[in-house]
């Protein structure tokens, strides 16, 4: 399946790097993007849909969330949906990252 990054997902990756900077950590957005794409490319969606259904304010109702670990940190939350023959990534968050609404 093809992985498509929505504008909101790219914005969330940039916000994540900004948040990491405030706690004196290196940027991770590019590496995280590659890791998430690799994760979804490796999945066999005919057998199993990873993650669980979630509702997020101002986002589509058919979202799913998966947790993806990078190293020893807490897993990142990746919000996505399957549309036709592609995976649409909508949002990426770290569990300790505060919401910016």
Protein backbone atom coordinates (compact mmCIF):
# COMPACT_ATOMS: atom_id res chain seq x y z
CA UNK A 1 0.00 0.00 0.00
CA UNK A 2 1.07 3.54 -0.67
CA UNK A 3 1.62 5.82 2.35
CA UNK A 4 0.27 9.37 1.97
CA UNK A 5 1.11 12.13 4.45
CA UNK A 6 -1.65 14.66 5.02
CA UNK A 7 -0.75 18.29 5.75
CA UNK A 8 -1.86 17.79 9.36
CA UNK A 9 0.64 14.91 9.74
CA UNK A 10 3.54 16.97 8.41
CA UNK A 11 2.53 19.82 10.74
CA UNK A 12 2.42 17.40 13.67
CA UNK A 13 5.94 16.16 12.85
CA UNK A 14 7.21 19.75 12.78
CA UNK A 15 5.43 20.47 16.08
CA UNK A 16 6.99 17.32 17.53
CA UNK A 17 10.48 18.55 16.61
CA UNK A 18 9.64 21.93 18.17
CA UNK A 19 8.48 20.22 21.35
CA UNK A 20 11.62 18.05 21.43
CA UNK A 21 13.74 21.19 21.12
CA UNK A 22 12.11 22.67 24.24
CA UNK A 23 13.26 19.62 26.23
CA UNK A 24 16.71 19.74 24.64
CA UNK A 25 16.37 16.69 22.37
CA UNK A 26 17.50 16.35 18.77
CA UNK A 27 14.97 16.59 15.89
CA UNK A 28 13.47 13.23 14.93
CA UNK A 29 10.82 14.03 12.30
CA UNK A 30 12.64 12.68 9.23
CA UNK A 31 13.66 9.45 10.95
CA UNK A 32 10.19 9.00 12.41
CA UNK A 33 8.58 9.56 8.99
CA UNK A 34 10.79 6.89 7.39
CA UNK A 35 10.14 4.45 10.25
CA UNK A 36 6.36 4.92 10.04
CA UNK A 37 6.38 4.41 6.26
CA UNK A 38 8.46 1.25 6.65
CA UNK A 39 6.06 -0.03 9.33
CA UNK A 40 3.02 0.35 7.07
CA UNK A 41 4.75 -1.05 3.97
CA UNK A 42 5.56 -4.23 5.94
CA UNK A 43 1.93 -4.83 7.02
CA UNK A 44 -0.39 -7.35 5.36
CA UNK A 45 -3.75 -5.60 5.60
CA UNK A 46 -5.60 -8.58 4.14
CA UNK A 47 -4.99 -10.45 7.40
CA UNK A 48 -5.11 -7.78 10.09
CA UNK A 49 -5.71 -4.03 10.46
CA UNK A 50 -3.18 -2.74 13.01
CA UNK A 51 -4.25 -0.40 15.76
CA UNK A 52 -7.63 0.46 17.16
CA UNK A 53 -10.43 2.80 16.17
CA UNK A 54 -10.24 6.24 17.77
CA UNK A 55 -12.13 9.52 17.66
CA UNK A 56 -10.14 12.75 17.44
CA UNK A 57 -11.79 16.16 17.42
CA UNK A 58 -11.79 17.77 13.94
CA UNK A 59 -10.47 14.60 12.26
CA UNK A 60 -12.20 11.94 10.12
CA UNK A 61 -14.29 9.41 12.06
CA UNK A 62 -12.67 6.32 10.53
CA UNK A 63 -9.25 6.87 12.14
CA UNK A 64 -7.14 4.14 13.66
CA UNK A 65 -4.21 4.58 16.04
CA UNK A 66 -1.06 2.47 16.23
CA UNK A 67 1.82 2.81 18.66
CA UNK A 68 5.28 2.77 17.09
CA UNK A 69 8.38 2.61 19.28
CA UNK A 70 11.61 4.32 18.33
CA UNK A 71 14.46 3.04 20.46
CA UNK A 72 13.88 3.13 24.20
CA UNK A 73 11.43 6.05 24.27
CA UNK A 74 7.72 5.76 24.84
CA UNK A 75 5.89 4.76 21.66
CA UNK A 76 4.64 7.45 19.29
CA UNK A 77 0.93 7.56 18.48
CA UNK A 78 0.26 7.43 14.75
CA UNK A 79 -3.28 8.24 13.59
CA UNK A 80 -4.17 6.92 10.14
CA UNK A 81 -6.95 5.62 7.95
CA UNK A 82 -7.12 3.27 5.00
CA UNK A 83 -8.68 4.83 1.94
CA UNK A 84 -8.87 2.84 -1.29
CA UNK A 85 -5.39 1.40 -1.77
CA UNK A 86 -3.46 3.82 0.42
CA UNK A 87 -2.66 4.64 4.02
CA UNK A 88 -3.34 8.26 4.97
CA UNK A 89 -1.35 9.49 7.96
CA UNK A 90 -3.17 12.31 9.78
CA UNK A 91 -1.31 12.90 13.02
CA UNK A 92 1.82 11.81 14.91
CA UNK A 93 2.14 12.49 18.65
CA UNK A 94 4.44 11.57 21.52
CA UNK A 95 2.51 10.52 24.66
CA UNK A 96 4.09 13.32 26.75
CA UNK A 97 3.62 16.01 24.10
CA UNK A 98 0.96 18.54 25.07
CA UNK A 99 -1.84 19.35 22.65
CA UNK A 100 -1.68 22.77 20.92
CA UNK A 101 -5.29 23.69 20.17
